[in-house]
C-alpha cells in the first residue's frame, strides 16, 4: 500500500510515522506547513517539504518583525497555495491512502483536493481537542462538519472521540484508539525509574495554562497546603509565562522546595521522564484534551496520576479512586486540594494504584504491541 501522510512536524507525528518503517508499505510525507527542514534519521520516508515560498529571500524574518504590513503584502504573492502544491504532489505520488493528522491543520486545507479524488481513501487521526473543544467554536465546527463526511477511516487517541465523530457526521470505518505517538519503549523508560514508590517525595505538575490549560488552579490549591507539603519537592515543567508570573508574584520558592521550568527553557524529554520516575504524584489539569501523552508517560513511570477528565476521556484509563484521581471540575481549587491531600494521606491507595498501573495499564502501552495493532488497522483498509 502506498500511504501519503499529511501533518505538521511534531514529535508525536514522528513517533507515529516510525511505526511504518518496516511495515512493507511505501510511505510518503507532505509537510502541511511547507517550512524548511526534514525529519532527520528517516531516510525511508519520502518527504515533501520547503515548498511554502516561491522565494525565501534574505532578510525575510527581519522584514516580518519590523515591517509586518509590507511583509504581509509581499507574502500574498510569495506564498504558494497549499491546495495547489498538495494536488501536484498527490498526482505525483498516486497514493492508495492519504492519512491526515489533526482535522483543522491537515484536513481543512486539502478538503477541496480530496473531494476531487473521491476514489482515494482518506484516513484521519484526531488528537487532543481536535473535536471535543473545537466543536463549540463556529468557525472550527464549520470545517468539522465538512471534513468528516468525506473521511473514510478514523484513528483517535481516546474512545470519546469515536462517538463524537459519529455525531458530527463521520460514517466511515473505525480503525481504533491509540496513543497519539504510538506506544512507549518500556525497556528504555524502565531505565529512568530510579526510585521505588515508597521513597518518592516529588510532586510533578504540567505547567500548561494558555487557552485550555488550568495549571494556575493547581497552583492555587498548593498555596492552601503550605504546611502539608513542607516535606515534598514540587516541580512544574513546561510552564507558560502566565504561570511563571503567578508563581513569582505569590512567593512559591519561599513556601516549598520548589522549581519551575518555563517553555523557553524546556526540559528534554529524557529529563521529564527521569522526573516522572522520581514522582509520587503527577498532576495535569485542563478544560479540554484527548488522552494526554504526558499522563500515559507518568503512569508508565509509576507516578500516581491526578488528571482532569474533559468529556470523560481520562476516565478511559483512570478508575477514580483505584489507580488515580479524576479532576471533574478543573476550575475548583478546593476540590483539587482535597484530592492531593487524600492521595498523600493514603499510602495504601498509592501502592495499590502503582501495582494496577504497572501490571494492567503499562503493558498495554508497550511500543511493539501498539505498533502491531496499528499496522493491523492499516491492513484492514479496503483501498481497492
Protein backbone atom coordinates (compact mmCIF):
# COMPACT_ATOMS: atom_id res chain seq x y z
CA UNK A 1 0.00 0.00 0.00
CA UNK A 2 1.22 3.50 -0.82
CA UNK A 3 0.46 5.86 2.06
CA UNK A 4 0.74 9.66 1.96
CA UNK A 5 0.98 11.17 5.46
CA UNK A 6 -0.10 14.80 5.90
CA UNK A 7 0.91 16.66 9.06
CA UNK A 8 2.94 19.41 10.60
CA UNK A 9 6.27 18.36 12.07
CA UNK A 10 5.85 17.26 15.68
CA UNK A 11 7.33 14.67 18.00
CA UNK A 12 4.02 12.81 18.16
CA UNK A 13 3.74 12.65 14.37
CA UNK A 14 7.33 11.45 14.10
CA UNK A 15 6.74 8.65 16.61
CA UNK A 16 3.57 7.58 14.85
CA UNK A 17 5.27 7.57 11.44
CA UNK A 18 8.16 5.48 12.77
CA UNK A 19 5.70 2.62 13.27
CA UNK A 20 5.51 2.33 9.48
CA UNK A 21 9.25 1.99 8.82
CA UNK A 22 9.34 -1.78 8.47
CA UNK A 23 5.66 -2.24 7.59
CA UNK A 24 6.17 -3.12 3.94
CA UNK A 25 4.17 -0.06 2.91
CA UNK A 26 5.58 2.68 0.69
CA UNK A 27 5.32 5.84 2.81
CA UNK A 28 5.38 9.50 1.77
CA UNK A 29 5.11 12.66 3.86
CA UNK A 30 3.66 16.04 2.91
CA UNK A 31 4.61 18.71 5.46
CA UNK A 32 1.43 20.79 5.51
CA UNK A 33 3.32 23.79 6.93
CA UNK A 34 5.72 23.83 3.98
CA UNK A 35 8.54 25.03 6.19
CA UNK A 36 12.23 24.29 5.85
CA UNK A 37 13.76 21.16 7.27
CA UNK A 38 13.15 17.45 7.07
CA UNK A 39 12.50 14.80 9.68
CA UNK A 40 16.09 13.64 10.19
CA UNK A 41 17.04 9.99 10.51
CA UNK A 42 14.04 8.86 8.43
CA UNK A 43 15.62 8.15 5.05
CA UNK A 44 12.96 5.51 4.37
CA UNK A 45 10.28 8.24 4.38
CA UNK A 46 9.83 10.20 1.14
CA UNK A 47 9.40 13.80 2.30
CA UNK A 48 7.90 16.85 0.61
CA UNK A 49 8.96 19.98 2.49
CA UNK A 50 10.28 23.53 1.99
CA UNK A 51 7.60 24.25 -0.60
CA UNK A 52 5.91 27.23 1.04
CA UNK A 53 7.77 30.19 -0.51
CA UNK A 54 8.41 30.92 -4.14
CA UNK A 55 11.46 32.85 -2.97
CA UNK A 56 12.87 32.53 0.55
CA UNK A 57 14.65 35.86 0.26
CA UNK A 58 17.44 37.10 2.56
CA UNK A 59 16.18 39.30 5.40
CA UNK A 60 12.67 37.83 5.33
CA UNK A 61 12.50 37.38 9.12
CA UNK A 62 13.76 40.92 9.76
CA UNK A 63 11.17 42.31 7.36
CA UNK A 64 8.43 40.28 9.06
CA UNK A 65 9.42 41.59 12.51
CA UNK A 66 9.96 45.25 11.64
CA UNK A 67 7.61 45.88 8.72
CA UNK A 68 4.75 43.38 9.13
CA UNK A 69 2.33 45.12 6.76
CA UNK A 70 4.85 45.22 3.93
CA UNK A 71 5.78 41.60 4.67
CA UNK A 72 2.14 40.52 4.53
CA UNK A 73 1.71 42.21 1.15
CA UNK A 74 4.82 40.55 -0.26
CA UNK A 75 3.80 37.15 1.04
CA UNK A 76 0.43 37.44 -0.67
CA UNK A 77 2.45 36.91 -3.87
CA UNK A 78 5.28 34.82 -2.41
CA UNK A 79 3.28 32.09 -0.62
CA UNK A 80 2.40 29.07 -2.69
CA UNK A 81 -1.22 27.90 -2.17
CA UNK A 82 -1.26 24.69 -0.15
CA UNK A 83 -4.06 23.06 -2.14
CA UNK A 84 -2.26 23.52 -5.48
CA UNK A 85 1.06 22.20 -4.14
CA UNK A 86 -0.64 19.28 -2.42
CA UNK A 87 -2.63 18.32 -5.51
CA UNK A 88 0.52 18.26 -7.63
CA UNK A 89 2.24 16.04 -5.05
CA UNK A 90 -0.84 13.82 -4.77
CA UNK A 91 -0.75 13.23 -8.53
CA UNK A 92 2.98 12.51 -8.45
CA UNK A 93 2.71 10.00 -5.58
CA UNK A 94 -0.63 8.50 -6.62
CA UNK A 95 -1.29 7.07 -3.12
CA UNK A 96 -3.79 4.43 -2.15
CA UNK A 97 -4.38 6.21 1.14
CA UNK A 98 -3.96 9.78 2.42
CA UNK A 99 -3.58 9.96 6.20
CA UNK A 100 -4.07 13.39 7.82
CA UNK A 101 -3.10 14.13 11.41
CA UNK A 102 -5.50 16.57 13.14
CA UNK A 103 -8.51 17.89 11.32
CA UNK A 104 -8.01 21.63 11.27
CA UNK A 105 -4.35 21.76 10.32
CA UNK A 106 -4.15 18.83 7.94
CA UNK A 107 -7.65 18.20 6.57
CA UNK A 108 -9.38 21.53 6.05
CA UNK A 109 -6.65 23.00 3.76
CA UNK A 110 -6.80 19.99 1.41
CA UNK A 111 -10.53 19.20 1.56
CA UNK A 112 -11.29 20.52 -1.93
CA UNK A 113 -8.49 18.42 -3.39
CA UNK A 114 -9.66 15.27 -1.61
CA UNK A 115 -13.21 15.92 -2.83
CA UNK A 116 -11.81 15.98 -6.37
CA UNK A 117 -10.31 12.50 -5.88
CA UNK A 118 -13.06 10.57 -4.05
CA UNK A 119 -11.54 7.19 -5.00
CA UNK A 120 -8.52 7.83 -2.74
CA UNK A 121 -9.13 6.61 0.79
CA UNK A 122 -8.76 9.36 3.41
CA UNK A 123 -7.72 8.50 6.95
CA UNK A 124 -7.87 10.99 9.84
CA UNK A 125 -6.12 10.85 13.20
CA UNK A 126 -7.80 13.11 15.76
CA UNK A 127 -5.64 14.30 18.64
CA UNK A 128 -6.31 16.21 21.83
CA UNK A 129 -9.01 18.84 21.49
CA UNK A 130 -9.46 18.36 17.74
CA UNK A 131 -13.18 17.59 18.04
CA UNK A 132 -14.14 17.98 21.71
CA UNK A 133 -13.20 21.63 22.12
CA UNK A 134 -13.41 22.87 18.54
CA UNK A 135 -16.97 21.62 18.02
CA UNK A 136 -18.05 24.57 20.19
CA UNK A 137 -16.30 27.20 18.05
CA UNK A 138 -18.44 28.08 14.99
CA UNK A 139 -15.54 28.61 12.57
CA UNK A 140 -13.93 25.29 13.50
CA UNK A 141 -17.22 23.39 13.61
CA UNK A 142 -17.94 24.52 10.06
CA UNK A 143 -14.76 22.75 8.98
CA UNK A 144 -15.51 19.67 11.08
CA UNK A 145 -18.91 19.04 9.52
CA UNK A 146 -17.46 19.48 6.03
CA UNK A 147 -14.47 17.20 6.52
CA UNK A 148 -15.88 14.26 8.49
CA UNK A 149 -18.39 13.05 5.86
CA UNK A 150 -15.52 12.81 3.32
CA UNK A 151 -13.15 10.95 5.67
CA UNK A 152 -13.20 7.19 5.10
CA UNK A 153 -11.32 5.89 8.16
CA UNK A 154 -10.66 7.19 11.66
CA UNK A 155 -7.96 6.81 14.30
CA UNK A 156 -8.48 8.59 17.63
CA UNK A 157 -6.44 8.96 20.81
CA UNK A 158 -9.49 8.28 23.01
CA UNK A 159 -12.78 6.39 22.67
CA UNK A 160 -14.73 9.56 23.48
CA UNK A 161 -13.90 10.99 20.07
CA UNK A 162 -15.20 7.97 18.17
CA UNK A 163 -18.75 8.67 19.30
CA UNK A 164 -18.25 12.41 18.92
CA UNK A 165 -17.06 11.99 15.33
CA UNK A 166 -20.16 9.93 14.53
CA UNK A 167 -22.38 12.64 15.99
CA UNK A 168 -20.60 15.23 13.83
CA UNK A 169 -21.05 13.38 10.55
CA UNK A 170 -18.44 10.62 10.28
CA UNK A 171 -19.83 7.45 8.71
CA UNK A 172 -16.69 5.53 7.82
CA UNK A 173 -14.50 2.77 9.26
CA UNK A 174 -13.20 2.98 12.84
CA UNK A 175 -9.53 1.95 12.93
CA UNK A 176 -9.17 2.21 16.70
CA UNK A 177 -7.99 4.37 19.58
CA UNK A 178 -4.23 4.53 20.21
CA UNK A 179 -1.80 6.94 21.89
CA UNK A 180 -1.16 9.85 19.54
CA UNK A 181 2.50 8.98 19.13
CA UNK A 182 2.11 5.23 19.25
CA UNK A 183 3.28 3.15 22.20
CA UNK A 184 6.27 3.50 24.51
CA UNK A 185 9.61 1.70 24.64
CA UNK A 186 9.12 0.30 28.12
CA UNK A 187 12.63 -1.10 28.37
CA UNK A 188 14.06 2.38 27.80
CA UNK A 189 11.52 4.00 30.12
CA UNK A 190 12.23 1.49 32.90
CA UNK A 191 15.85 2.64 32.93
CA UNK A 192 14.60 6.04 34.16
CA UNK A 193 12.65 4.64 37.11
CA UNK A 194 15.27 5.36 39.72
CA UNK A 195 13.20 5.38 42.91
CA UNK A 196 10.64 2.96 44.36
CA UNK A 197 7.27 4.49 45.18
CA UNK A 198 7.95 4.22 48.92
CA UNK A 199 10.88 6.64 48.79
CA UNK A 200 9.49 9.24 46.38
CA UNK A 201 8.68 12.76 47.59
CA UNK A 202 8.37 14.69 44.31
CA UNK A 203 5.09 16.19 43.08
CA UNK A 204 5.29 16.89 39.33
CA UNK A 205 2.88 19.33 37.66
CA UNK A 206 2.36 20.09 33.98
CA UNK A 207 2.61 23.87 33.66
CA UNK A 208 0.26 24.42 30.74
CA UNK A 209 -2.13 27.36 31.03
CA UNK A 210 -2.83 29.15 27.74
CA UNK A 211 -6.28 28.74 26.22
CA UNK A 212 -7.03 25.27 27.54
CA UNK A 213 -4.68 24.58 30.47
CA UNK A 214 -5.54 25.26 34.08
CA UNK A 215 -2.21 24.95 35.87
CA UNK A 216 -2.87 28.12 37.88
CA UNK A 217 -5.85 26.42 39.52
CA UNK A 218 -3.46 23.71 40.72
CA UNK A 219 -1.03 26.38 41.93
CA UNK A 220 -3.80 27.98 43.97
CA UNK A 221 -4.57 24.60 45.53
CA UNK A 222 -0.91 24.20 46.51
CA UNK A 223 -0.99 27.56 48.27
CA UNK A 224 -3.59 26.11 50.64
CA UNK A 225 -1.25 23.24 51.54
CA UNK A 226 1.81 25.12 52.73
CA UNK A 227 2.23 23.07 55.90
CA UNK A 228 1.24 19.70 54.42
CA UNK A 229 3.77 19.94 51.57
CA UNK A 230 6.79 21.11 53.55
CA UNK A 231 8.48 17.70 53.23
CA UNK A 232 7.81 17.41 49.48
CA UNK A 233 9.62 18.73 46.44
CA UNK A 234 7.35 20.41 43.86
CA UNK A 235 8.39 20.74 40.19
CA UNK A 236 6.41 22.45 37.44
CA UNK A 237 7.52 21.81 33.83
CA UNK A 238 6.52 23.33 30.51
CA UNK A 239 5.12 26.41 32.24
CA UNK A 240 3.55 29.28 30.30
CA UNK A 241 4.71 32.78 31.22
CA UNK A 242 1.34 33.37 32.88
CA UNK A 243 2.11 30.52 35.27
CA UNK A 244 5.68 31.76 35.84
CA UNK A 245 4.39 35.24 36.71
CA UNK A 246 1.77 33.80 39.08
CA UNK A 247 4.41 31.74 40.88
CA UNK A 248 6.79 34.69 41.16
CA UNK A 249 4.13 37.05 42.48
CA UNK A 250 2.98 34.57 45.14
CA UNK A 251 6.33 33.58 46.61
CA UNK A 252 6.26 29.87 45.85
CA UNK A 253 10.01 29.42 46.32
CA UNK A 254 9.68 30.57 49.93
CA UNK A 255 6.71 28.25 50.58
CA UNK A 256 8.05 24.96 49.22
CA UNK A 257 11.08 23.16 47.90
CA UNK A 258 10.00 24.44 44.51
CA UNK A 259 11.29 24.53 40.93
CA UNK A 260 9.66 25.76 37.74
CA UNK A 261 10.78 25.29 34.15
CA UNK A 262 9.14 27.51 31.56
CA UNK A 263 8.59 26.69 27.90
CA UNK A 264 11.55 28.80 26.74
CA UNK A 265 13.83 26.63 28.90
CA UNK A 266 12.03 23.43 28.14
CA UNK A 267 13.39 20.24 29.64
CA UNK A 268 14.42 17.40 27.38
CA UNK A 269 12.02 14.50 27.11
CA UNK A 270 14.59 12.31 28.87
CA UNK A 271 14.76 14.76 31.80
CA UNK A 272 10.98 14.85 32.15
CA UNK A 273 10.88 11.05 32.20
CA UNK A 274 13.53 11.00 34.93
CA UNK A 275 11.43 13.43 36.97
CA UNK A 276 8.40 11.20 36.48
CA UNK A 277 10.48 8.26 37.69
CA UNK A 278 11.07 10.16 40.94
CA UNK A 279 7.50 11.44 41.32
CA UNK A 280 4.99 10.14 43.80
CA UNK A 281 2.22 12.24 42.18
CA UNK A 282 1.71 13.71 38.72
CA UNK A 283 -0.93 16.42 38.15
CA UNK A 284 -2.30 17.59 34.80
CA UNK A 285 -5.27 19.96 34.56
CA UNK A 286 -7.05 21.42 31.53
CA UNK A 287 -10.52 22.22 30.26
CA UNK A 288 -10.04 20.13 27.12
CA UNK A 289 -7.81 17.33 25.88
CA UNK A 290 -7.89 13.86 24.40
CA UNK A 291 -5.82 11.18 26.08
CA UNK A 292 -2.80 13.19 27.35
CA UNK A 293 0.55 11.68 26.35
CA UNK A 294 2.18 13.08 29.49
CA UNK A 295 -0.45 11.32 31.61
CA UNK A 296 0.33 7.99 29.94
CA UNK A 297 4.05 8.53 30.45
CA UNK A 298 3.54 9.42 34.12
CA UNK A 299 1.57 6.20 34.59
CA UNK A 300 4.32 4.19 32.88
CA UNK A 301 6.90 5.82 35.16
CA UNK A 302 4.97 4.90 38.30
CA UNK A 303 3.60 8.28 39.43
CA UNK A 304 0.11 8.42 40.95
CA UNK A 305 -1.97 10.41 38.41
CA UNK A 306 -4.35 13.24 39.28
CA UNK A 307 -5.78 14.38 35.96
CA UNK A 308 -8.67 16.43 34.61
CA UNK A 309 -11.35 14.47 32.76
CA UNK A 310 -12.85 16.60 29.97
CA UNK A 311 -15.67 14.75 28.27
CA UNK A 312 -14.78 11.55 30.10
CA UNK A 313 -11.62 10.84 28.07
CA UNK A 314 -9.27 10.34 31.03
CA UNK A 315 -11.77 8.01 32.72
CA UNK A 316 -10.98 5.54 29.94
CA UNK A 317 -7.67 4.82 31.68
CA UNK A 318 -8.08 6.12 35.26
CA UNK A 319 -10.60 4.40 37.51
CA UNK A 320 -11.22 7.15 40.02
CA UNK A 321 -10.02 6.19 43.48
CA UNK A 322 -8.33 2.98 42.27
CA UNK A 323 -5.37 3.80 40.02
CA UNK A 324 -5.55 7.58 40.22
CA UNK A 325 -7.89 10.52 40.79
CA UNK A 326 -10.03 12.36 38.27
CA UNK A 327 -10.43 16.14 38.46
CA UNK A 328 -14.06 16.59 37.44
CA UNK A 329 -14.08 20.39 37.84
CA UNK A 330 -10.78 21.80 36.59
CA UNK A 331 -11.62 25.26 37.99
CA UNK A 332 -12.34 24.06 41.54
CA UNK A 333 -9.34 24.91 43.73
CA UNK A 334 -10.77 23.32 46.87
CA UNK A 335 -11.58 20.04 45.11
CA UNK A 336 -8.04 19.75 43.74
CA UNK A 337 -6.61 20.50 47.17
CA UNK A 338 -8.70 17.72 48.71
CA UNK A 339 -7.66 15.21 46.03
CA UNK A 340 -3.99 15.98 46.66
CA UNK A 341 -4.44 15.67 50.41
CA UNK A 342 -6.34 12.41 50.05
CA UNK A 343 -3.59 10.92 47.90
CA UNK A 344 -0.77 11.98 50.19
CA UNK A 345 -2.54 10.66 53.28
CA UNK A 346 -3.31 7.22 51.86
CA UNK A 347 -0.09 5.27 51.29
CA UNK A 348 -2.00 2.03 50.71
CA UNK A 349 -4.02 3.64 47.91
CA UNK A 350 -0.90 4.85 46.13
CA UNK A 351 0.82 1.49 46.49
CA UNK A 352 -2.27 -0.29 45.13
CA UNK A 353 -2.57 2.20 42.26
CA UNK A 354 1.10 1.63 41.41
CA UNK A 355 0.51 -2.11 41.12
CA UNK A 356 -2.61 -1.66 38.97
CA UNK A 357 -0.87 0.76 36.61
CA UNK A 358 2.33 -1.28 36.34
CA UNK A 359 0.61 -4.64 35.88
CA UNK A 360 -2.57 -3.77 33.95
CA UNK A 361 -2.17 -0.40 32.18
CA UNK A 362 1.54 -0.20 31.39
CA UNK A 363 1.83 -3.46 29.39
CA UNK A 364 -0.93 -2.27 27.03
CA UNK A 365 1.17 0.78 26.13
CA UNK A 366 4.26 -1.17 25.03
CA UNK A 367 5.59 0.12 21.71
CA UNK A 368 5.75 -3.14 19.76
CA UNK A 369 2.26 -4.17 20.91
CA UNK A 370 0.71 -0.85 19.89
CA UNK A 371 2.60 -0.89 16.58
CA UNK A 372 1.32 -4.37 15.72
CA UNK A 373 -2.25 -3.23 16.39
CA UNK A 374 -1.79 -0.03 14.39
CA UNK A 375 -0.36 -1.94 11.40
CA UNK A 376 -3.24 -4.41 11.59
CA UNK A 377 -5.62 -1.43 11.45
CA UNK A 378 -3.88 -0.06 8.35
CA UNK A 379 -4.11 -3.52 6.81
CA UNK A 380 -7.89 -3.55 7.31
CA UNK A 381 -8.37 -0.56 4.99
CA UNK A 382 -10.07 -1.61 1.74
CA UNK A 383 -8.38 0.69 -0.77
CA UNK A 384 -9.09 -1.27 -3.95
